[in-house]
Amino acid sequence: MSKAFKELGSYAVLLADDSEADRALIRDAMRNNPRMMVVGEARDGEEVISYLTRSKGFSSPTKPTQPDLLLLDLRMPRKSGYDVLGWLQTQSFKNMLVVVLAGSSLPEDYERCMALGAHAYYVKIPQREPRLEMVRSIETLLDLAHEGARCAVK
C-alpha cells in the first residue's frame, strides 16, 4: 500500500464483480466511507489474478496498488470467486483481507468460502442503509486485522 494511504489511515480496495450495477452500489456505499478507496476493479477472476500478480511484482510506474481488501463476487465468468480463493491459497499477500460478497445465502457457499480462506462472507444487500452498515462492518474487520498485525509485529 502506498505511503499516502497509510498516513491517512485508509484502505485500498480491489472490487471484483462481473455486474457493473453491483460494483456501482458498492462504490456508492464506499463514498460514504472515505477510509476505503477503490484502487482497482475486476470483472472476472482472471482480471483479479492479473491485478494481484502485477501489484505484487517489481516496482514500475504502472504497478497497481496492492490492496488491503479484496471484495470478491463468487459467480463471475472465466474464473469464479472460488477459483480466485483457491489461487490465493498458493500466494502470499500480507495483510490483505478477502471478503466475499455473494448473491447466495446458502450455507454450503459460506462453508466453502471459509474453507478456501475467505475472511468474511456477506450476502449482497440491495437496500442502501443496510449496505452502508455492511461497509462499516467491513471497515471494522480491516481495523481489527491491521491492529492485530501491528500487535503481532511488536
N, C-alpha and C. Protein backbone atom coordinates (compact mmCIF):
# COMPACT_ATOMS: atom_id res chain seq x y z
N MET A 1 0.85 -1.18 0.00
CA MET A 1 0.00 0.00 0.00
C MET A 1 0.89 1.23 0.00
N SER A 2 0.42 2.28 -0.62
CA SER A 2 1.22 3.48 -0.72
C SER A 2 1.32 4.19 0.62
N LYS A 3 2.39 4.99 0.76
CA LYS A 3 2.61 5.75 1.99
C LYS A 3 1.44 6.69 2.27
N ALA A 4 0.88 7.29 1.22
CA ALA A 4 -0.25 8.22 1.39
C ALA A 4 -1.44 7.51 2.03
N PHE A 5 -1.72 6.27 1.61
CA PHE A 5 -2.83 5.54 2.20
C PHE A 5 -2.57 5.30 3.69
N LYS A 6 -1.37 4.89 4.04
CA LYS A 6 -1.03 4.60 5.43
C LYS A 6 -1.17 5.84 6.29
N GLU A 7 -0.68 6.98 5.78
CA GLU A 7 -0.74 8.22 6.54
C GLU A 7 -2.18 8.65 6.79
N LEU A 8 -3.06 8.38 5.85
CA LEU A 8 -4.46 8.76 6.00
C LEU A 8 -5.26 7.74 6.80
N GLY A 9 -4.66 6.58 7.10
CA GLY A 9 -5.40 5.52 7.78
C GLY A 9 -6.46 4.93 6.87
N SER A 10 -6.19 4.96 5.58
CA SER A 10 -7.15 4.49 4.59
C SER A 10 -6.81 3.08 4.13
N TYR A 11 -7.78 2.46 3.48
CA TYR A 11 -7.61 1.11 2.97
C TYR A 11 -7.84 1.09 1.47
N ALA A 12 -6.90 0.43 0.78
CA ALA A 12 -7.01 0.25 -0.67
C ALA A 12 -7.86 -0.98 -0.94
N VAL A 13 -8.85 -0.84 -1.83
CA VAL A 13 -9.82 -1.90 -2.09
C VAL A 13 -9.78 -2.29 -3.56
N LEU A 14 -9.71 -3.61 -3.80
CA LEU A 14 -9.90 -4.16 -5.14
C LEU A 14 -11.30 -4.74 -5.16
N LEU A 15 -12.12 -4.25 -6.07
CA LEU A 15 -13.53 -4.63 -6.17
C LEU A 15 -13.71 -5.56 -7.36
N ALA A 16 -14.12 -6.80 -7.10
CA ALA A 16 -14.26 -7.80 -8.16
C ALA A 16 -15.70 -8.30 -8.25
N ASP A 17 -16.35 -7.93 -9.33
CA ASP A 17 -17.72 -8.35 -9.57
C ASP A 17 -18.01 -8.18 -11.05
N ASP A 18 -18.66 -9.16 -11.66
CA ASP A 18 -18.95 -9.06 -13.09
C ASP A 18 -20.11 -8.11 -13.37
N SER A 19 -20.86 -7.74 -12.35
CA SER A 19 -22.00 -6.85 -12.53
C SER A 19 -21.59 -5.39 -12.29
N GLU A 20 -21.68 -4.58 -13.33
CA GLU A 20 -21.39 -3.15 -13.18
C GLU A 20 -22.34 -2.52 -12.17
N ALA A 21 -23.60 -2.95 -12.17
CA ALA A 21 -24.58 -2.41 -11.22
C ALA A 21 -24.17 -2.71 -9.78
N ASP A 22 -23.72 -3.94 -9.51
CA ASP A 22 -23.29 -4.29 -8.15
C ASP A 22 -22.04 -3.51 -7.76
N ARG A 23 -21.10 -3.34 -8.70
CA ARG A 23 -19.90 -2.55 -8.39
C ARG A 23 -20.28 -1.10 -8.09
N ALA A 24 -21.24 -0.57 -8.83
CA ALA A 24 -21.68 0.81 -8.59
C ALA A 24 -22.31 0.96 -7.21
N LEU A 25 -23.08 -0.03 -6.79
CA LEU A 25 -23.70 0.02 -5.46
C LEU A 25 -22.63 0.02 -4.36
N ILE A 26 -21.60 -0.78 -4.54
CA ILE A 26 -20.53 -0.82 -3.54
C ILE A 26 -19.73 0.48 -3.57
N ARG A 27 -19.43 0.99 -4.76
CA ARG A 27 -18.72 2.28 -4.85
C ARG A 27 -19.53 3.37 -4.15
N ASP A 28 -20.84 3.36 -4.34
CA ASP A 28 -21.71 4.35 -3.69
C ASP A 28 -21.60 4.23 -2.17
N ALA A 29 -21.64 3.03 -1.66
CA ALA A 29 -21.53 2.82 -0.20
C ALA A 29 -20.17 3.28 0.30
N MET A 30 -19.14 3.08 -0.48
CA MET A 30 -17.80 3.48 -0.06
C MET A 30 -17.60 4.99 -0.10
N ARG A 31 -18.36 5.68 -0.93
CA ARG A 31 -18.26 7.14 -0.95
C ARG A 31 -18.64 7.72 0.41
N ASN A 32 -19.45 7.01 1.15
CA ASN A 32 -19.84 7.44 2.50
C ASN A 32 -18.82 6.99 3.54
N ASN A 33 -17.78 6.34 3.10
CA ASN A 33 -16.73 5.88 3.99
C ASN A 33 -15.39 6.25 3.35
N PRO A 34 -14.89 7.44 3.63
CA PRO A 34 -13.70 7.93 2.94
C PRO A 34 -12.42 7.14 3.25
N ARG A 35 -12.43 6.28 4.24
CA ARG A 35 -11.23 5.50 4.55
C ARG A 35 -11.05 4.31 3.62
N MET A 36 -12.08 3.95 2.86
CA MET A 36 -11.99 2.83 1.93
C MET A 36 -12.01 3.38 0.51
N MET A 37 -10.91 3.17 -0.21
CA MET A 37 -10.77 3.72 -1.56
C MET A 37 -10.60 2.60 -2.58
N VAL A 38 -11.45 2.59 -3.57
CA VAL A 38 -11.34 1.60 -4.64
C VAL A 38 -10.13 1.98 -5.49
N VAL A 39 -9.14 1.08 -5.54
CA VAL A 39 -7.93 1.32 -6.33
C VAL A 39 -7.92 0.50 -7.61
N GLY A 40 -8.87 -0.44 -7.71
CA GLY A 40 -8.95 -1.26 -8.91
C GLY A 40 -10.27 -2.00 -8.95
N GLU A 41 -10.69 -2.35 -10.17
CA GLU A 41 -11.91 -3.12 -10.35
C GLU A 41 -11.62 -4.25 -11.32
N ALA A 42 -12.29 -5.37 -11.09
CA ALA A 42 -12.14 -6.54 -11.97
C ALA A 42 -13.53 -7.08 -12.27
N ARG A 43 -13.70 -7.55 -13.51
CA ARG A 43 -14.99 -8.09 -13.94
C ARG A 43 -15.04 -9.60 -13.90
N ASP A 44 -13.90 -10.22 -13.65
CA ASP A 44 -13.86 -11.68 -13.57
C ASP A 44 -12.61 -12.10 -12.80
N GLY A 45 -12.55 -13.39 -12.50
CA GLY A 45 -11.44 -13.90 -11.70
C GLY A 45 -10.09 -13.76 -12.37
N GLU A 46 -10.03 -13.85 -13.69
CA GLU A 46 -8.76 -13.68 -14.38
C GLU A 46 -8.23 -12.26 -14.20
N GLU A 47 -9.12 -11.27 -14.24
CA GLU A 47 -8.69 -9.89 -14.02
C GLU A 47 -8.22 -9.69 -12.58
N VAL A 48 -8.84 -10.36 -11.62
CA VAL A 48 -8.41 -10.27 -10.22
C VAL A 48 -6.97 -10.80 -10.11
N ILE A 49 -6.74 -11.98 -10.65
CA ILE A 49 -5.42 -12.60 -10.55
C ILE A 49 -4.37 -11.73 -11.27
N SER A 50 -4.72 -11.19 -12.43
CA SER A 50 -3.80 -10.32 -13.16
C SER A 50 -3.45 -9.09 -12.33
N TYR A 51 -4.46 -8.45 -11.75
CA TYR A 51 -4.23 -7.26 -10.92
C TYR A 51 -3.33 -7.60 -9.75
N LEU A 52 -3.66 -8.65 -9.01
CA LEU A 52 -2.89 -9.01 -7.83
C LEU A 52 -1.46 -9.42 -8.17
N THR A 53 -1.29 -10.10 -9.27
CA THR A 53 0.06 -10.51 -9.69
C THR A 53 0.91 -9.28 -9.98
N ARG A 54 0.34 -8.30 -10.69
CA ARG A 54 1.08 -7.07 -11.00
C ARG A 54 1.33 -6.24 -9.75
N SER A 55 0.39 -6.22 -8.80
CA SER A 55 0.56 -5.41 -7.59
C SER A 55 1.67 -5.94 -6.71
N LYS A 56 1.96 -7.23 -6.84
CA LYS A 56 2.98 -7.87 -6.02
C LYS A 56 4.34 -7.88 -6.71
N GLY A 57 4.36 -7.58 -8.00
CA GLY A 57 5.59 -7.68 -8.80
C GLY A 57 6.55 -6.54 -8.54
N PHE A 58 7.53 -6.44 -9.42
CA PHE A 58 8.55 -5.42 -9.30
C PHE A 58 7.96 -4.02 -9.45
N SER A 59 8.61 -3.06 -8.85
CA SER A 59 8.14 -1.67 -8.94
C SER A 59 8.23 -1.18 -10.38
N SER A 60 7.20 -0.48 -10.78
CA SER A 60 7.19 0.15 -12.09
C SER A 60 6.15 1.26 -12.05
N PRO A 61 6.23 2.19 -12.99
CA PRO A 61 5.25 3.29 -12.98
C PRO A 61 3.81 2.80 -13.15
N THR A 62 3.61 1.64 -13.77
CA THR A 62 2.25 1.15 -14.00
C THR A 62 1.83 0.09 -12.99
N LYS A 63 2.64 -0.11 -11.96
CA LYS A 63 2.32 -1.12 -10.96
C LYS A 63 1.11 -0.67 -10.15
N PRO A 64 0.05 -1.50 -10.09
CA PRO A 64 -1.12 -1.11 -9.32
C PRO A 64 -0.87 -1.21 -7.80
N THR A 65 -1.67 -0.50 -7.04
CA THR A 65 -1.57 -0.53 -5.59
C THR A 65 -1.99 -1.89 -5.07
N GLN A 66 -1.17 -2.46 -4.18
CA GLN A 66 -1.55 -3.73 -3.57
C GLN A 66 -2.71 -3.45 -2.60
N PRO A 67 -3.82 -4.15 -2.76
CA PRO A 67 -4.99 -3.85 -1.93
C PRO A 67 -4.86 -4.39 -0.50
N ASP A 68 -5.52 -3.69 0.40
CA ASP A 68 -5.69 -4.17 1.77
C ASP A 68 -6.90 -5.09 1.84
N LEU A 69 -7.81 -4.90 0.89
CA LEU A 69 -9.08 -5.62 0.89
C LEU A 69 -9.44 -6.02 -0.52
N LEU A 70 -9.81 -7.28 -0.67
CA LEU A 70 -10.39 -7.78 -1.92
C LEU A 70 -11.85 -8.08 -1.64
N LEU A 71 -12.75 -7.35 -2.29
CA LEU A 71 -14.18 -7.65 -2.24
C LEU A 71 -14.48 -8.52 -3.44
N LEU A 72 -14.88 -9.76 -3.20
CA LEU A 72 -14.91 -10.78 -4.23
C LEU A 72 -16.30 -11.38 -4.42
N ASP A 73 -16.81 -11.26 -5.63
CA ASP A 73 -18.05 -11.93 -6.02
C ASP A 73 -17.72 -13.39 -6.29
N LEU A 74 -18.67 -14.28 -6.07
CA LEU A 74 -18.44 -15.70 -6.31
C LEU A 74 -18.68 -16.11 -7.75
N ARG A 75 -19.77 -15.66 -8.31
CA ARG A 75 -20.19 -16.11 -9.64
C ARG A 75 -19.74 -15.10 -10.69
N MET A 76 -18.57 -15.35 -11.25
CA MET A 76 -18.01 -14.49 -12.29
C MET A 76 -17.58 -15.37 -13.47
N PRO A 77 -17.50 -14.78 -14.67
CA PRO A 77 -17.05 -15.56 -15.83
C PRO A 77 -15.54 -15.83 -15.78
N ARG A 78 -15.11 -16.68 -16.68
CA ARG A 78 -13.72 -17.09 -16.86
C ARG A 78 -13.16 -17.77 -15.62
N LYS A 79 -12.94 -17.09 -14.55
CA LYS A 79 -12.57 -17.71 -13.27
C LYS A 79 -13.54 -17.17 -12.22
N SER A 80 -14.07 -18.09 -11.44
CA SER A 80 -15.05 -17.70 -10.41
C SER A 80 -14.33 -17.20 -9.15
N GLY A 81 -15.13 -16.70 -8.23
CA GLY A 81 -14.58 -16.32 -6.93
C GLY A 81 -13.95 -17.51 -6.23
N TYR A 82 -14.53 -18.69 -6.40
CA TYR A 82 -13.93 -19.90 -5.82
C TYR A 82 -12.55 -20.16 -6.42
N ASP A 83 -12.42 -19.97 -7.73
CA ASP A 83 -11.13 -20.15 -8.38
C ASP A 83 -10.09 -19.18 -7.81
N VAL A 84 -10.51 -17.93 -7.60
CA VAL A 84 -9.60 -16.92 -7.05
C VAL A 84 -9.20 -17.31 -5.63
N LEU A 85 -10.16 -17.74 -4.82
CA LEU A 85 -9.84 -18.17 -3.46
C LEU A 85 -8.84 -19.33 -3.46
N GLY A 86 -9.03 -20.27 -4.36
CA GLY A 86 -8.10 -21.39 -4.47
C GLY A 86 -6.71 -20.92 -4.85
N TRP A 87 -6.63 -19.99 -5.81
CA TRP A 87 -5.34 -19.44 -6.24
C TRP A 87 -4.67 -18.69 -5.09
N LEU A 88 -5.45 -17.92 -4.34
CA LEU A 88 -4.89 -17.15 -3.23
C LEU A 88 -4.24 -18.04 -2.17
N GLN A 89 -4.71 -19.28 -2.04
CA GLN A 89 -4.11 -20.19 -1.07
C GLN A 89 -2.67 -20.52 -1.43
N THR A 90 -2.28 -20.33 -2.68
CA THR A 90 -0.92 -20.62 -3.12
C THR A 90 -0.05 -19.36 -3.14
N GLN A 91 -0.61 -18.24 -2.71
CA GLN A 91 0.08 -16.95 -2.78
C GLN A 91 0.29 -16.38 -1.38
N SER A 92 1.07 -15.31 -1.33
CA SER A 92 1.28 -14.60 -0.07
C SER A 92 1.00 -13.11 -0.29
N PHE A 93 -0.13 -12.68 0.20
CA PHE A 93 -0.48 -11.26 0.16
C PHE A 93 -0.64 -10.80 1.60
N LYS A 94 0.44 -10.23 2.12
CA LYS A 94 0.47 -9.81 3.52
C LYS A 94 -0.65 -8.83 3.82
N ASN A 95 -1.35 -9.11 4.87
CA ASN A 95 -2.37 -8.19 5.41
C ASN A 95 -3.53 -7.88 4.47
N MET A 96 -3.75 -8.70 3.43
CA MET A 96 -4.90 -8.48 2.55
C MET A 96 -6.07 -9.33 3.05
N LEU A 97 -7.16 -8.67 3.38
CA LEU A 97 -8.38 -9.37 3.75
C LEU A 97 -9.17 -9.69 2.49
N VAL A 98 -9.79 -10.86 2.50
CA VAL A 98 -10.65 -11.26 1.40
C VAL A 98 -12.06 -11.40 1.95
N VAL A 99 -12.95 -10.58 1.43
CA VAL A 99 -14.35 -10.59 1.84
C VAL A 99 -15.18 -10.96 0.63
N VAL A 100 -15.95 -12.02 0.78
CA VAL A 100 -16.84 -12.46 -0.30
C VAL A 100 -18.15 -11.71 -0.19
N LEU A 101 -18.59 -11.14 -1.32
CA LEU A 101 -19.92 -10.52 -1.43
C LEU A 101 -20.69 -11.38 -2.41
N ALA A 102 -21.59 -12.17 -1.89
CA ALA A 102 -22.27 -13.17 -2.73
C ALA A 102 -23.76 -12.89 -2.83
N GLY A 103 -24.33 -13.39 -3.89
CA GLY A 103 -25.78 -13.31 -4.07
C GLY A 103 -26.49 -14.45 -3.36
N SER A 104 -25.73 -15.38 -2.83
CA SER A 104 -26.28 -16.58 -2.21
C SER A 104 -26.12 -16.57 -0.70
N SER A 105 -27.15 -17.01 -0.02
CA SER A 105 -27.04 -17.19 1.44
C SER A 105 -27.01 -18.68 1.80
N LEU A 106 -26.68 -19.52 0.82
CA LEU A 106 -26.63 -20.96 1.07
C LEU A 106 -25.47 -21.30 2.01
N PRO A 107 -25.74 -22.11 3.03
CA PRO A 107 -24.67 -22.48 3.98
C PRO A 107 -23.48 -23.14 3.30
N GLU A 108 -23.73 -23.93 2.24
CA GLU A 108 -22.61 -24.61 1.58
C GLU A 108 -21.69 -23.61 0.85
N ASP A 109 -22.23 -22.50 0.36
CA ASP A 109 -21.38 -21.47 -0.25
C ASP A 109 -20.52 -20.81 0.82
N TYR A 110 -21.14 -20.47 1.94
CA TYR A 110 -20.41 -19.86 3.05
C TYR A 110 -19.29 -20.79 3.53
N GLU A 111 -19.64 -22.04 3.78
CA GLU A 111 -18.66 -23.00 4.29
C GLU A 111 -17.51 -23.21 3.31
N ARG A 112 -17.81 -23.30 2.04
CA ARG A 112 -16.76 -23.50 1.04
C ARG A 112 -15.83 -22.28 0.99
N CYS A 113 -16.38 -21.08 1.05
CA CYS A 113 -15.56 -19.87 1.03
C CYS A 113 -14.65 -19.80 2.25
N MET A 114 -15.19 -20.11 3.40
CA MET A 114 -14.38 -20.08 4.62
C MET A 114 -13.27 -21.13 4.56
N ALA A 115 -13.60 -22.32 4.03
CA ALA A 115 -12.59 -23.38 3.89
C ALA A 115 -11.49 -22.97 2.91
N LEU A 116 -11.83 -22.12 1.93
CA LEU A 116 -10.85 -21.66 0.95
C LEU A 116 -10.11 -20.40 1.40
N GLY A 117 -10.32 -19.98 2.64
CA GLY A 117 -9.52 -18.89 3.20
C GLY A 117 -10.14 -17.51 3.21
N ALA A 118 -11.42 -17.38 2.84
CA ALA A 118 -12.05 -16.06 2.93
C ALA A 118 -12.10 -15.63 4.40
N HIS A 119 -11.96 -14.34 4.63
CA HIS A 119 -12.01 -13.82 5.99
C HIS A 119 -13.43 -13.51 6.45
N ALA A 120 -14.30 -13.24 5.50
CA ALA A 120 -15.70 -12.93 5.83
C ALA A 120 -16.56 -13.18 4.60
N TYR A 121 -17.85 -13.33 4.86
CA TYR A 121 -18.82 -13.64 3.80
C TYR A 121 -20.06 -12.80 4.07
N TYR A 122 -20.44 -12.00 3.10
CA TYR A 122 -21.65 -11.18 3.20
C TYR A 122 -22.54 -11.48 2.00
N VAL A 123 -23.83 -11.45 2.24
CA VAL A 123 -24.78 -11.56 1.15
C VAL A 123 -25.04 -10.15 0.64
N LYS A 124 -25.05 -9.97 -0.68
CA LYS A 124 -25.28 -8.66 -1.28
C LYS A 124 -26.62 -8.11 -0.81
N ILE A 125 -26.60 -6.83 -0.50
CA ILE A 125 -27.78 -6.18 0.07
C ILE A 125 -28.26 -5.09 -0.90
N PRO A 126 -29.50 -5.20 -1.40
CA PRO A 126 -29.97 -4.18 -2.35
C PRO A 126 -30.35 -2.85 -1.69
N GLN A 127 -30.74 -2.85 -0.42
CA GLN A 127 -31.16 -1.61 0.24
C GLN A 127 -29.94 -0.80 0.68
N ARG A 128 -30.03 0.51 0.52
CA ARG A 128 -28.88 1.39 0.75
C ARG A 128 -28.40 1.39 2.20
N GLU A 129 -29.27 1.62 3.15
CA GLU A 129 -28.83 1.73 4.55
C GLU A 129 -28.16 0.45 5.06
N PRO A 130 -28.76 -0.72 4.85
CA PRO A 130 -28.06 -1.94 5.27
C PRO A 130 -26.73 -2.14 4.53
N ARG A 131 -26.65 -1.70 3.29
CA ARG A 131 -25.40 -1.82 2.53
C ARG A 131 -24.33 -0.90 3.14
N LEU A 132 -24.71 0.30 3.56
CA LEU A 132 -23.78 1.21 4.23
C LEU A 132 -23.29 0.58 5.53
N GLU A 133 -24.18 -0.05 6.26
CA GLU A 133 -23.80 -0.72 7.51
C GLU A 133 -22.84 -1.87 7.22
N MET A 134 -23.07 -2.59 6.14
CA MET A 134 -22.17 -3.69 5.76
C MET A 134 -20.77 -3.14 5.50
N VAL A 135 -20.66 -2.04 4.79
CA VAL A 135 -19.35 -1.44 4.51
C VAL A 135 -18.68 -0.99 5.80
N ARG A 136 -19.45 -0.43 6.73
CA ARG A 136 -18.88 -0.05 8.03
C ARG A 136 -18.37 -1.27 8.77
N SER A 137 -19.10 -2.36 8.69
CA SER A 137 -18.70 -3.61 9.32
C SER A 137 -17.40 -4.14 8.71
N ILE A 138 -17.28 -4.04 7.40
CA ILE A 138 -16.05 -4.48 6.73
C ILE A 138 -14.88 -3.59 7.16
N GLU A 139 -15.12 -2.30 7.30
CA GLU A 139 -14.06 -1.39 7.77
C GLU A 139 -13.60 -1.80 9.17
N THR A 140 -14.53 -2.18 10.02
CA THR A 140 -14.17 -2.64 11.36
C THR A 140 -13.29 -3.90 11.29
N LEU A 141 -13.63 -4.82 10.39
CA LEU A 141 -12.79 -6.01 10.20
C LEU A 141 -11.38 -5.61 9.78
N LEU A 142 -11.27 -4.66 8.87
CA LEU A 142 -9.96 -4.18 8.44
C LEU A 142 -9.18 -3.57 9.60
N ASP A 143 -9.86 -2.73 10.38
CA ASP A 143 -9.20 -2.11 11.54
C ASP A 143 -8.68 -3.18 12.50
N LEU A 144 -9.52 -4.16 12.80
CA LEU A 144 -9.12 -5.22 13.72
C LEU A 144 -7.96 -6.05 13.16
N ALA A 145 -8.03 -6.36 11.89
CA ALA A 145 -6.97 -7.17 11.27
C ALA A 145 -5.64 -6.40 11.26
N HIS A 146 -5.70 -5.12 10.94
CA HIS A 146 -4.46 -4.34 10.87
C HIS A 146 -3.92 -4.05 12.25
N GLU A 147 -4.79 -3.87 13.22
CA GLU A 147 -4.34 -3.69 14.61
C GLU A 147 -3.68 -4.98 15.09
N GLY A 148 -4.29 -6.12 14.76
CA GLY A 148 -3.70 -7.41 15.13
C GLY A 148 -2.37 -7.62 14.47
N ALA A 149 -2.21 -7.19 13.22
CA ALA A 149 -0.93 -7.34 12.51
C ALA A 149 0.14 -6.46 13.17
N ARG A 150 -0.25 -5.25 13.58
CA ARG A 150 0.72 -4.38 14.26
C ARG A 150 1.11 -4.97 15.61
N CYS A 151 0.17 -5.53 16.33
CA CYS A 151 0.47 -6.14 17.63
C CYS A 151 1.37 -7.36 17.48
N ALA A 152 1.15 -8.13 16.42
CA ALA A 152 1.94 -9.34 16.21
C ALA A 152 3.40 -8.99 15.88
N VAL A 153 3.65 -7.83 15.28
CA VAL A 153 4.99 -7.44 14.89
C VAL A 153 5.78 -6.95 16.09
N LYS A 154 5.14 -6.35 17.05
CA LYS A 154 5.83 -5.76 18.22
C LYS A 154 6.53 -6.80 19.05
